[in-house]
Amino acid sequence: MKLVVDEWLWADLAGENTQKRQSESHRVLLQVLQKCDQFVTVAGSQFLRTFWDFCRSARTPLHKKTIKMFTDSFAYNPQKLLLCAQIEGAGRLAMPTGPLAKTTCI
């Protein structure tokens, strides 16, 4: 299953909302990692910008562990993170060239 994610995930993981939301978001990461699921986002998206902000502001061991898990398991793994490119003016998304170029992302 492909899951389109937004920056809310990082706000929850940072503990900006409730502790319950933080726990739920950790479970989401772990479930996507353990299953054949895949996150989908756009290069330069608010999701990725918020992730890098989260990295810069990480203070707790839990935050640092979460960053390491996401970086190691998702950020550089095209089977877990489908990174689409925005086609300017076309109003649609397309995969960059590479091994997943045959995959359509709309």
Foldseek 3Di string as FASTA:
>chain_A
DEAEDAQVLLCLCLCVDDVVSNVVSVVVLVVLLVDQYAYEDEVVHNNVVSLVVLVVPDDDPSSVVVNVCCVVRPPPDCSHYQYWYDDPPPPFTAGDDDPCRVDGGD
